[in-house]
N, C-alpha and C. Protein backbone atom coordinates (compact mmCIF):
# COMPACT_ATOMS: atom_id res chain seq x y z
N UNK A 1 185.31 175.61 108.32
CA UNK A 1 185.52 175.12 106.97
C UNK A 1 186.64 175.91 106.31
N UNK A 2 187.38 175.22 105.50
CA UNK A 2 188.51 175.79 104.79
C UNK A 2 188.02 176.63 103.61
N UNK A 3 188.71 177.71 103.34
CA UNK A 3 188.33 178.59 102.22
C UNK A 3 189.04 178.16 100.94
N UNK A 4 188.56 178.64 99.81
CA UNK A 4 189.17 178.31 98.52
C UNK A 4 190.62 178.80 98.45
N UNK A 5 190.93 179.92 99.09
CA UNK A 5 192.30 180.43 99.09
C UNK A 5 193.25 179.47 99.82
N UNK A 6 192.77 178.92 100.94
CA UNK A 6 193.58 177.94 101.68
C UNK A 6 193.77 176.67 100.87
N UNK A 7 192.72 176.25 100.18
CA UNK A 7 192.81 175.05 99.35
C UNK A 7 193.81 175.27 98.21
N UNK A 8 193.80 176.44 97.63
CA UNK A 8 194.75 176.74 96.55
C UNK A 8 196.19 176.71 97.07
N UNK A 9 196.39 177.03 98.34
CA UNK A 9 197.73 176.97 98.92
C UNK A 9 198.19 175.52 99.08
N UNK A 10 197.26 174.60 99.30
CA UNK A 10 197.60 173.19 99.49
C UNK A 10 197.68 172.41 98.19
N UNK A 11 197.00 172.89 97.16
CA UNK A 11 196.88 172.12 95.92
C UNK A 11 197.39 172.91 94.73
N UNK A 12 197.50 172.20 93.63
CA UNK A 12 197.76 172.88 92.36
C UNK A 12 196.86 172.25 91.31
N UNK A 13 196.41 173.08 90.40
CA UNK A 13 195.54 172.59 89.33
C UNK A 13 196.38 171.84 88.32
N UNK A 14 195.77 170.84 87.74
CA UNK A 14 196.45 170.01 86.75
C UNK A 14 195.91 170.28 85.36
N UNK A 15 196.79 170.24 84.39
CA UNK A 15 196.34 170.32 83.00
C UNK A 15 195.61 169.01 82.70
N UNK A 16 194.83 168.96 81.63
CA UNK A 16 194.13 167.70 81.30
C UNK A 16 195.07 166.51 81.16
N UNK A 17 196.22 166.73 80.54
CA UNK A 17 197.18 165.63 80.38
C UNK A 17 197.78 165.21 81.73
N UNK A 18 198.14 166.18 82.55
CA UNK A 18 198.66 165.87 83.89
C UNK A 18 197.61 165.18 84.75
N UNK A 19 196.37 165.58 84.58
CA UNK A 19 195.28 164.95 85.33
C UNK A 19 195.13 163.49 84.92
N UNK A 20 195.24 163.21 83.63
CA UNK A 20 195.16 161.81 83.18
C UNK A 20 196.30 160.99 83.75
N UNK A 21 197.51 161.56 83.76
CA UNK A 21 198.65 160.85 84.34
C UNK A 21 198.46 160.62 85.84
N UNK A 22 197.96 161.64 86.52
CA UNK A 22 197.73 161.52 87.98
C UNK A 22 196.67 160.47 88.26
N UNK A 23 195.62 160.41 87.44
CA UNK A 23 194.58 159.40 87.62
C UNK A 23 195.17 158.01 87.45
N UNK A 24 195.93 157.81 86.38
CA UNK A 24 196.55 156.48 86.16
C UNK A 24 197.48 156.11 87.30
N UNK A 25 198.32 157.06 87.71
CA UNK A 25 199.26 156.79 88.80
C UNK A 25 198.53 156.42 90.09
N UNK A 26 197.52 157.20 90.46
CA UNK A 26 196.81 156.95 91.72
C UNK A 26 195.97 155.69 91.66
N UNK A 27 195.43 155.35 90.48
CA UNK A 27 194.72 154.08 90.36
C UNK A 27 195.66 152.91 90.59
N UNK A 28 196.83 152.96 89.98
CA UNK A 28 197.82 151.89 90.15
C UNK A 28 198.29 151.85 91.60
N UNK A 29 198.57 153.00 92.20
CA UNK A 29 199.03 153.03 93.59
C UNK A 29 197.99 152.44 94.53
N UNK A 30 196.74 152.84 94.33
CA UNK A 30 195.66 152.32 95.18
C UNK A 30 195.52 150.81 95.00
N UNK A 31 195.50 150.36 93.75
CA UNK A 31 195.32 148.93 93.48
C UNK A 31 196.47 148.09 94.01
N UNK A 32 197.71 148.60 93.87
CA UNK A 32 198.86 147.86 94.41
C UNK A 32 198.80 147.77 95.92
N UNK A 33 198.43 148.87 96.56
CA UNK A 33 198.33 148.86 98.02
C UNK A 33 197.25 147.90 98.49
N UNK A 34 196.11 147.90 97.82
CA UNK A 34 195.03 146.99 98.18
C UNK A 34 195.46 145.54 97.99
N UNK A 35 196.09 145.26 96.85
CA UNK A 35 196.56 143.90 96.57
C UNK A 35 197.56 143.44 97.63
N UNK A 36 198.48 144.33 98.00
CA UNK A 36 199.50 143.97 98.99
C UNK A 36 198.88 143.72 100.36
N UNK A 37 198.01 144.63 100.82
CA UNK A 37 197.46 144.39 102.16
C UNK A 37 196.56 143.17 102.18
N UNK A 38 195.84 142.90 101.09
CA UNK A 38 195.00 141.69 101.07
C UNK A 38 195.85 140.42 101.10
N UNK A 39 196.98 140.45 100.38
CA UNK A 39 197.85 139.28 100.35
C UNK A 39 198.36 138.97 101.77
N UNK A 40 198.89 139.98 102.47
CA UNK A 40 199.41 139.75 103.81
C UNK A 40 198.29 139.52 104.81
N UNK A 41 197.14 140.11 104.59
CA UNK A 41 195.96 139.91 105.42
C UNK A 41 195.56 138.43 105.39
N UNK A 42 195.50 137.87 104.17
CA UNK A 42 195.10 136.47 104.02
C UNK A 42 196.16 135.52 104.56
N UNK A 43 197.43 135.91 104.45
CA UNK A 43 198.51 135.06 104.96
C UNK A 43 198.65 135.19 106.48
N UNK A 44 197.93 136.15 107.07
CA UNK A 44 197.94 136.35 108.51
C UNK A 44 199.35 136.66 109.04
N UNK A 45 200.06 137.53 108.30
CA UNK A 45 201.40 137.89 108.71
C UNK A 45 201.71 139.33 108.33
N UNK A 46 202.78 139.85 108.90
CA UNK A 46 203.26 141.21 108.69
C UNK A 46 202.17 142.26 108.95
N UNK A 47 201.69 142.36 110.18
CA UNK A 47 200.62 143.31 110.49
C UNK A 47 200.97 144.76 110.19
N UNK A 48 202.23 145.13 110.41
CA UNK A 48 202.64 146.50 110.12
C UNK A 48 202.50 146.80 108.63
N UNK A 49 202.86 145.84 107.80
CA UNK A 49 202.73 146.01 106.34
C UNK A 49 201.26 146.10 105.96
N UNK A 50 200.40 145.30 106.57
CA UNK A 50 198.96 145.36 106.31
C UNK A 50 198.44 146.76 106.65
N UNK A 51 198.82 147.26 107.80
CA UNK A 51 198.36 148.58 108.23
C UNK A 51 198.85 149.68 107.28
N UNK A 52 200.14 149.69 107.00
CA UNK A 52 200.70 150.76 106.18
C UNK A 52 200.16 150.71 104.75
N UNK A 53 200.01 149.53 104.19
CA UNK A 53 199.46 149.43 102.84
C UNK A 53 197.98 149.83 102.82
N UNK A 54 197.25 149.54 103.89
CA UNK A 54 195.86 150.00 103.99
C UNK A 54 195.79 151.51 104.02
N UNK A 55 196.69 152.11 104.78
CA UNK A 55 196.75 153.57 104.84
C UNK A 55 197.14 154.15 103.48
N UNK A 56 198.13 153.54 102.82
CA UNK A 56 198.54 153.99 101.49
C UNK A 56 197.39 153.91 100.49
N UNK A 57 196.59 152.86 100.58
CA UNK A 57 195.44 152.72 99.69
C UNK A 57 194.44 153.84 99.93
N UNK A 58 194.23 154.20 101.19
CA UNK A 58 193.32 155.30 101.52
C UNK A 58 193.82 156.62 100.92
N UNK A 59 195.10 156.89 101.11
CA UNK A 59 195.67 158.14 100.60
C UNK A 59 195.61 158.19 99.07
N UNK A 60 195.94 157.08 98.42
CA UNK A 60 195.90 157.03 96.95
C UNK A 60 194.48 157.17 96.43
N UNK A 61 193.50 156.59 97.14
CA UNK A 61 192.10 156.73 96.72
C UNK A 61 191.64 158.18 96.84
N UNK A 62 192.07 158.86 97.89
CA UNK A 62 191.72 160.28 98.04
C UNK A 62 192.39 161.12 96.95
N UNK A 63 193.65 160.82 96.64
CA UNK A 63 194.36 161.55 95.59
C UNK A 63 193.73 161.27 94.22
N UNK A 64 193.26 160.05 94.01
CA UNK A 64 192.58 159.70 92.77
C UNK A 64 191.29 160.50 92.62
N UNK A 65 190.53 160.59 93.70
CA UNK A 65 189.30 161.38 93.69
C UNK A 65 189.59 162.83 93.30
N UNK A 66 190.62 163.42 93.90
CA UNK A 66 190.95 164.81 93.62
C UNK A 66 191.38 165.00 92.17
N UNK A 67 192.18 164.08 91.65
CA UNK A 67 192.66 164.20 90.27
C UNK A 67 191.54 163.96 89.26
N UNK A 68 190.72 162.95 89.51
CA UNK A 68 189.69 162.57 88.54
C UNK A 68 188.51 163.53 88.54
N UNK A 69 188.05 163.93 89.70
CA UNK A 69 186.84 164.75 89.79
C UNK A 69 187.12 166.25 89.76
N UNK A 70 188.29 166.67 90.25
CA UNK A 70 188.52 168.10 90.42
C UNK A 70 189.79 168.61 89.74
N UNK A 71 190.54 167.72 89.13
CA UNK A 71 191.79 168.06 88.44
C UNK A 71 192.75 168.86 89.31
N UNK A 72 192.90 168.41 90.55
CA UNK A 72 193.87 169.03 91.46
C UNK A 72 194.73 167.94 92.08
N UNK A 73 195.88 168.37 92.55
CA UNK A 73 196.82 167.47 93.21
C UNK A 73 197.35 168.19 94.44
N UNK A 74 197.52 167.47 95.53
CA UNK A 74 198.13 168.08 96.71
C UNK A 74 199.55 168.50 96.36
N UNK A 75 199.90 169.69 96.73
CA UNK A 75 201.24 170.20 96.46
C UNK A 75 202.09 169.92 97.69
N UNK A 76 203.02 169.01 97.58
CA UNK A 76 203.80 168.59 98.75
C UNK A 76 205.04 169.46 98.98
N UNK A 77 205.18 170.54 98.22
CA UNK A 77 206.32 171.43 98.41
C UNK A 77 206.31 172.03 99.81
N UNK A 78 205.12 172.37 100.31
CA UNK A 78 205.00 172.98 101.64
C UNK A 78 205.04 171.96 102.76
N UNK A 79 205.01 170.67 102.43
CA UNK A 79 205.01 169.63 103.45
C UNK A 79 203.63 169.45 104.06
N UNK A 80 203.53 168.49 104.95
CA UNK A 80 202.27 168.27 105.64
C UNK A 80 201.16 167.72 104.77
N UNK A 81 201.49 166.94 103.76
CA UNK A 81 200.45 166.49 102.83
C UNK A 81 199.40 165.62 103.51
N UNK A 82 199.78 164.84 104.50
CA UNK A 82 198.81 163.98 105.17
C UNK A 82 197.80 164.81 105.95
N UNK A 83 198.29 165.83 106.62
CA UNK A 83 197.42 166.74 107.37
C UNK A 83 196.58 167.58 106.41
N UNK A 84 197.19 168.03 105.32
CA UNK A 84 196.47 168.87 104.36
C UNK A 84 195.42 168.09 103.58
N UNK A 85 195.62 166.80 103.40
CA UNK A 85 194.63 166.00 102.68
C UNK A 85 193.28 166.08 103.38
N UNK A 86 193.29 166.11 104.70
CA UNK A 86 192.03 166.20 105.44
C UNK A 86 191.29 167.49 105.10
N UNK A 87 192.00 168.60 105.07
CA UNK A 87 191.38 169.89 104.76
C UNK A 87 190.86 169.92 103.32
N UNK A 88 191.63 169.36 102.41
CA UNK A 88 191.22 169.33 101.00
C UNK A 88 190.01 168.42 100.81
N UNK A 89 190.01 167.27 101.47
CA UNK A 89 188.84 166.38 101.41
C UNK A 89 187.61 167.06 102.00
N UNK A 90 187.82 167.76 103.09
CA UNK A 90 186.72 168.49 103.72
C UNK A 90 186.11 169.47 102.72
N UNK A 91 186.95 170.19 102.02
CA UNK A 91 186.47 171.19 101.06
C UNK A 91 185.74 170.55 99.88
N UNK A 92 186.31 169.51 99.30
CA UNK A 92 185.74 168.93 98.08
C UNK A 92 184.61 167.94 98.31
N UNK A 93 184.41 167.52 99.55
CA UNK A 93 183.32 166.58 99.82
C UNK A 93 182.25 167.16 100.73
N UNK A 94 182.28 168.46 100.98
CA UNK A 94 181.38 169.06 101.98
C UNK A 94 179.90 168.85 101.68
N UNK A 95 179.52 168.66 100.42
CA UNK A 95 178.10 168.45 100.12
C UNK A 95 177.74 166.98 99.94
N UNK A 96 178.67 166.09 100.23
CA UNK A 96 178.41 164.65 100.12
C UNK A 96 177.68 164.15 101.36
N UNK A 97 176.83 163.16 101.18
CA UNK A 97 176.13 162.57 102.33
C UNK A 97 177.10 161.80 103.23
N UNK A 98 178.27 161.45 102.70
CA UNK A 98 179.27 160.68 103.45
C UNK A 98 180.33 161.58 104.08
N UNK A 99 180.16 162.88 103.97
CA UNK A 99 181.20 163.84 104.37
C UNK A 99 181.75 163.58 105.78
N UNK A 100 180.91 163.58 106.77
CA UNK A 100 181.37 163.45 108.16
C UNK A 100 182.06 162.11 108.41
N UNK A 101 181.50 161.04 107.90
CA UNK A 101 182.10 159.72 108.11
C UNK A 101 183.44 159.61 107.40
N UNK A 102 183.51 160.13 106.19
CA UNK A 102 184.74 160.09 105.41
C UNK A 102 185.87 160.80 106.15
N UNK A 103 185.59 161.99 106.65
CA UNK A 103 186.62 162.74 107.37
C UNK A 103 187.01 162.07 108.67
N UNK A 104 186.06 161.50 109.36
CA UNK A 104 186.37 160.81 110.62
C UNK A 104 187.27 159.60 110.37
N UNK A 105 186.96 158.83 109.34
CA UNK A 105 187.79 157.66 109.00
C UNK A 105 189.21 158.10 108.67
N UNK A 106 189.33 159.17 107.88
CA UNK A 106 190.66 159.65 107.51
C UNK A 106 191.42 160.16 108.73
N UNK A 107 190.74 160.88 109.62
CA UNK A 107 191.39 161.38 110.84
C UNK A 107 191.90 160.23 111.71
N UNK A 108 191.11 159.19 111.84
CA UNK A 108 191.53 158.04 112.63
C UNK A 108 192.76 157.39 112.01
N UNK A 109 192.75 157.25 110.69
CA UNK A 109 193.88 156.63 110.00
C UNK A 109 195.16 157.45 110.18
N UNK A 110 195.06 158.75 110.02
CA UNK A 110 196.24 159.61 110.18
C UNK A 110 196.73 159.56 111.62
N UNK A 111 195.81 159.58 112.57
CA UNK A 111 196.18 159.51 113.98
C UNK A 111 196.92 158.21 114.28
N UNK A 112 196.43 157.10 113.76
CA UNK A 112 197.11 155.82 114.00
C UNK A 112 198.44 155.75 113.28
N UNK A 113 198.50 156.29 112.07
CA UNK A 113 199.76 156.31 111.33
C UNK A 113 200.78 157.15 112.11
N UNK A 114 200.35 158.31 112.60
CA UNK A 114 201.25 159.17 113.37
C UNK A 114 201.70 158.50 114.66
N UNK A 115 200.82 157.77 115.31
CA UNK A 115 201.21 157.10 116.55
C UNK A 115 202.24 156.01 116.28
N UNK A 116 202.19 155.42 115.10
CA UNK A 116 203.20 154.42 114.72
C UNK A 116 204.54 155.08 114.45
N UNK A 117 204.52 156.31 114.05
CA UNK A 117 205.74 156.96 113.59
C UNK A 117 206.10 158.16 114.45
N UNK A 118 205.97 158.04 115.76
CA UNK A 118 206.25 159.16 116.65
C UNK A 118 207.68 159.65 116.54
N UNK A 119 208.60 158.74 116.27
CA UNK A 119 209.99 159.20 116.20
C UNK A 119 210.23 160.02 114.93
N UNK A 120 209.29 159.99 114.00
CA UNK A 120 209.38 160.82 112.79
C UNK A 120 208.35 161.93 112.91
N UNK A 121 208.50 162.77 113.91
CA UNK A 121 207.48 163.75 114.23
C UNK A 121 207.29 164.79 113.13
N UNK A 122 208.34 165.16 112.45
CA UNK A 122 208.25 166.16 111.40
C UNK A 122 207.50 165.57 110.20
N UNK A 123 206.29 166.04 109.95
CA UNK A 123 205.44 165.43 108.93
C UNK A 123 206.01 165.54 107.53
N UNK A 124 206.82 166.55 107.26
CA UNK A 124 207.39 166.66 105.93
C UNK A 124 208.37 165.52 105.67
N UNK A 125 208.74 164.80 106.71
CA UNK A 125 209.66 163.68 106.56
C UNK A 125 208.94 162.37 106.22
N UNK A 126 207.58 162.38 106.21
CA UNK A 126 206.83 161.18 105.85
C UNK A 126 207.06 160.88 104.38
N UNK A 127 207.69 159.81 104.12
CA UNK A 127 207.99 159.42 102.74
C UNK A 127 208.19 157.92 102.73
N UNK A 128 208.53 157.39 101.59
CA UNK A 128 208.75 155.94 101.49
C UNK A 128 209.82 155.47 102.47
N UNK A 129 210.83 156.27 102.71
CA UNK A 129 211.87 155.87 103.65
C UNK A 129 211.29 155.67 105.04
N UNK A 130 210.39 156.53 105.46
CA UNK A 130 209.78 156.41 106.79
C UNK A 130 208.98 155.13 106.87
N UNK A 131 208.20 154.85 105.85
CA UNK A 131 207.40 153.63 105.84
C UNK A 131 208.31 152.41 105.91
N UNK A 132 209.39 152.41 105.13
CA UNK A 132 210.34 151.30 105.16
C UNK A 132 210.98 151.18 106.54
N UNK A 133 211.37 152.31 107.12
CA UNK A 133 211.97 152.29 108.46
C UNK A 133 211.00 151.72 109.49
N UNK A 134 209.73 152.10 109.41
CA UNK A 134 208.74 151.58 110.36
C UNK A 134 208.60 150.07 110.24
N UNK A 135 208.54 149.58 109.01
CA UNK A 135 208.42 148.14 108.80
C UNK A 135 209.67 147.43 109.32
N UNK A 136 210.86 147.95 108.98
CA UNK A 136 212.10 147.34 109.43
C UNK A 136 212.22 147.36 110.95
N UNK A 137 211.84 148.48 111.57
CA UNK A 137 211.92 148.60 113.03
C UNK A 137 211.05 147.55 113.71
N UNK A 138 209.85 147.37 113.23
CA UNK A 138 208.95 146.36 113.80
C UNK A 138 209.53 144.96 113.66
N UNK A 139 210.12 144.67 112.52
CA UNK A 139 210.72 143.36 112.28
C UNK A 139 211.87 143.12 113.25
N UNK A 140 212.77 144.09 113.38
CA UNK A 140 213.94 143.92 114.25
C UNK A 140 213.55 143.87 115.72
N UNK A 141 212.57 144.67 116.14
CA UNK A 141 212.11 144.61 117.52
C UNK A 141 211.53 143.24 117.83
N UNK A 142 210.76 142.69 116.89
CA UNK A 142 210.18 141.36 117.09
C UNK A 142 211.26 140.29 117.19
N UNK A 143 212.28 140.39 116.34
CA UNK A 143 213.39 139.43 116.38
C UNK A 143 214.13 139.51 117.70
N UNK A 144 214.43 140.73 118.15
CA UNK A 144 215.14 140.90 119.42
C UNK A 144 214.34 140.35 120.58
N UNK A 145 213.06 140.66 120.60
CA UNK A 145 212.21 140.22 121.71
C UNK A 145 212.15 138.70 121.76
N UNK A 146 212.05 138.07 120.61
CA UNK A 146 211.98 136.62 120.56
C UNK A 146 213.32 136.00 120.92
N UNK A 147 214.42 136.61 120.52
CA UNK A 147 215.75 136.07 120.79
C UNK A 147 216.10 136.15 122.27
N UNK A 148 215.81 137.29 122.90
CA UNK A 148 216.23 137.50 124.27
C UNK A 148 215.28 136.95 125.32
N UNK A 149 214.09 136.59 124.95
CA UNK A 149 213.17 136.02 125.93
C UNK A 149 212.28 135.01 125.23
N UNK A 150 211.72 134.14 126.01
CA UNK A 150 210.84 133.13 125.42
C UNK A 150 209.50 133.71 125.05
N UNK A 151 209.07 134.73 125.76
CA UNK A 151 207.80 135.37 125.42
C UNK A 151 208.09 136.73 124.80
N UNK A 152 207.66 136.93 123.56
CA UNK A 152 207.95 138.20 122.90
C UNK A 152 207.30 139.38 123.64
N UNK A 153 208.08 140.44 123.80
CA UNK A 153 207.55 141.67 124.39
C UNK A 153 206.87 142.48 123.31
N UNK A 154 205.88 143.26 123.71
CA UNK A 154 205.20 144.13 122.75
C UNK A 154 205.87 145.49 122.81
N UNK A 155 206.56 145.85 121.74
CA UNK A 155 207.18 147.17 121.73
C UNK A 155 206.16 148.18 121.22
N UNK A 156 206.32 149.45 121.59
CA UNK A 156 205.29 150.45 121.25
C UNK A 156 205.09 150.66 119.75
N UNK A 157 206.08 150.30 118.94
CA UNK A 157 205.93 150.47 117.49
C UNK A 157 205.31 149.26 116.81
N UNK A 158 205.05 148.20 117.58
CA UNK A 158 204.54 147.01 116.93
C UNK A 158 203.01 147.01 116.88
N UNK A 159 202.49 146.18 116.02
CA UNK A 159 201.05 145.98 115.87
C UNK A 159 200.78 144.48 115.92
N UNK A 160 199.63 144.11 116.41
CA UNK A 160 199.25 142.72 116.30
C UNK A 160 198.47 142.56 115.00
N UNK A 161 198.33 141.34 114.55
CA UNK A 161 197.56 141.10 113.33
C UNK A 161 196.10 141.47 113.57
N UNK A 162 195.61 141.27 114.79
CA UNK A 162 194.23 141.65 115.10
C UNK A 162 194.04 143.16 114.97
N UNK A 163 195.05 143.96 115.40
CA UNK A 163 194.99 145.42 115.23
C UNK A 163 194.92 145.79 113.76
N UNK A 164 195.77 145.16 112.97
CA UNK A 164 195.83 145.47 111.53
C UNK A 164 194.52 145.08 110.85
N UNK A 165 193.99 143.92 111.18
CA UNK A 165 192.73 143.47 110.56
C UNK A 165 191.57 144.39 110.95
N UNK A 166 191.56 144.81 112.20
CA UNK A 166 190.51 145.72 112.65
C UNK A 166 190.60 147.05 111.90
N UNK A 167 191.83 147.55 111.72
CA UNK A 167 192.03 148.79 110.97
C UNK A 167 191.51 148.65 109.53
N UNK A 168 191.83 147.55 108.89
CA UNK A 168 191.40 147.35 107.50
C UNK A 168 189.88 147.26 107.42
N UNK A 169 189.27 146.46 108.28
CA UNK A 169 187.82 146.25 108.21
C UNK A 169 187.00 147.47 108.64
N UNK A 170 187.48 148.18 109.66
CA UNK A 170 186.68 149.28 110.22
C UNK A 170 187.03 150.66 109.68
N UNK A 171 188.25 150.82 109.17
CA UNK A 171 188.68 152.14 108.72
C UNK A 171 188.98 152.16 107.21
N UNK A 172 189.92 151.35 106.78
CA UNK A 172 190.39 151.43 105.39
C UNK A 172 189.31 151.04 104.38
N UNK A 173 188.68 149.88 104.56
CA UNK A 173 187.71 149.44 103.56
C UNK A 173 186.47 150.32 103.48
N UNK A 174 185.89 150.78 104.61
CA UNK A 174 184.78 151.73 104.48
C UNK A 174 185.20 153.03 103.78
N UNK A 175 186.39 153.52 104.09
CA UNK A 175 186.89 154.73 103.43
C UNK A 175 187.04 154.50 101.93
N UNK A 176 187.64 153.38 101.56
CA UNK A 176 187.83 153.06 100.13
C UNK A 176 186.49 152.93 99.42
N UNK A 177 185.50 152.34 100.07
CA UNK A 177 184.17 152.20 99.48
C UNK A 177 183.54 153.57 99.22
N UNK A 178 183.64 154.46 100.20
CA UNK A 178 183.08 155.81 100.04
C UNK A 178 183.81 156.57 98.93
N UNK A 179 185.14 156.47 98.92
CA UNK A 179 185.90 157.18 97.88
C UNK A 179 185.58 156.64 96.49
N UNK A 180 185.39 155.34 96.38
CA UNK A 180 185.01 154.75 95.08
C UNK A 180 183.67 155.30 94.63
N UNK A 181 182.74 155.39 95.56
CA UNK A 181 181.41 155.93 95.26
C UNK A 181 181.50 157.38 94.81
N UNK A 182 182.28 158.19 95.53
CA UNK A 182 182.42 159.61 95.19
C UNK A 182 183.17 159.81 93.86
N UNK A 183 184.16 158.98 93.62
CA UNK A 183 184.97 159.11 92.42
C UNK A 183 184.21 158.73 91.16
N UNK A 184 183.34 157.74 91.28
CA UNK A 184 182.65 157.22 90.10
C UNK A 184 181.25 157.78 89.87
N UNK A 185 180.74 158.64 90.77
CA UNK A 185 179.39 159.16 90.54
C UNK A 185 179.36 160.33 89.57
């Protein structure tokens, strides 16, 4: 288990006003990500976008929990915020009945996100540009595969819609449900 000193290295305390701003920002981020992945989920298209928006919703829900319940924010100056979120969640949810499941869901999501972005191995480089690059790369690989052959090849960075739907149903939505429960209790 992580100690309070390690948690302080990953996070910074927020003033009441900063905490209110962080709560509003993370609520909007989570809701936008959920709305986006549901829209593409229902349209049965853009599986990479469904996956990434589901992951973004998970991260925003965790950040919302930290800001609303504990008035802390992950400090991304040191980098590794995705990896550090797991340690911070471990610390702040250790007495929750959902603790083990919550951490396992988050670990699976980060592992899958990292496997999608192997060429961006340096975690401090995970940013909106990386997400955009991943989406663009999948689109262009799909176009090339369809253009050069009659049967599209599966490139290692691509996802099927079934993969994305499974991720949303088995990982993202249970995680979001648990975070909502923890945030509002």
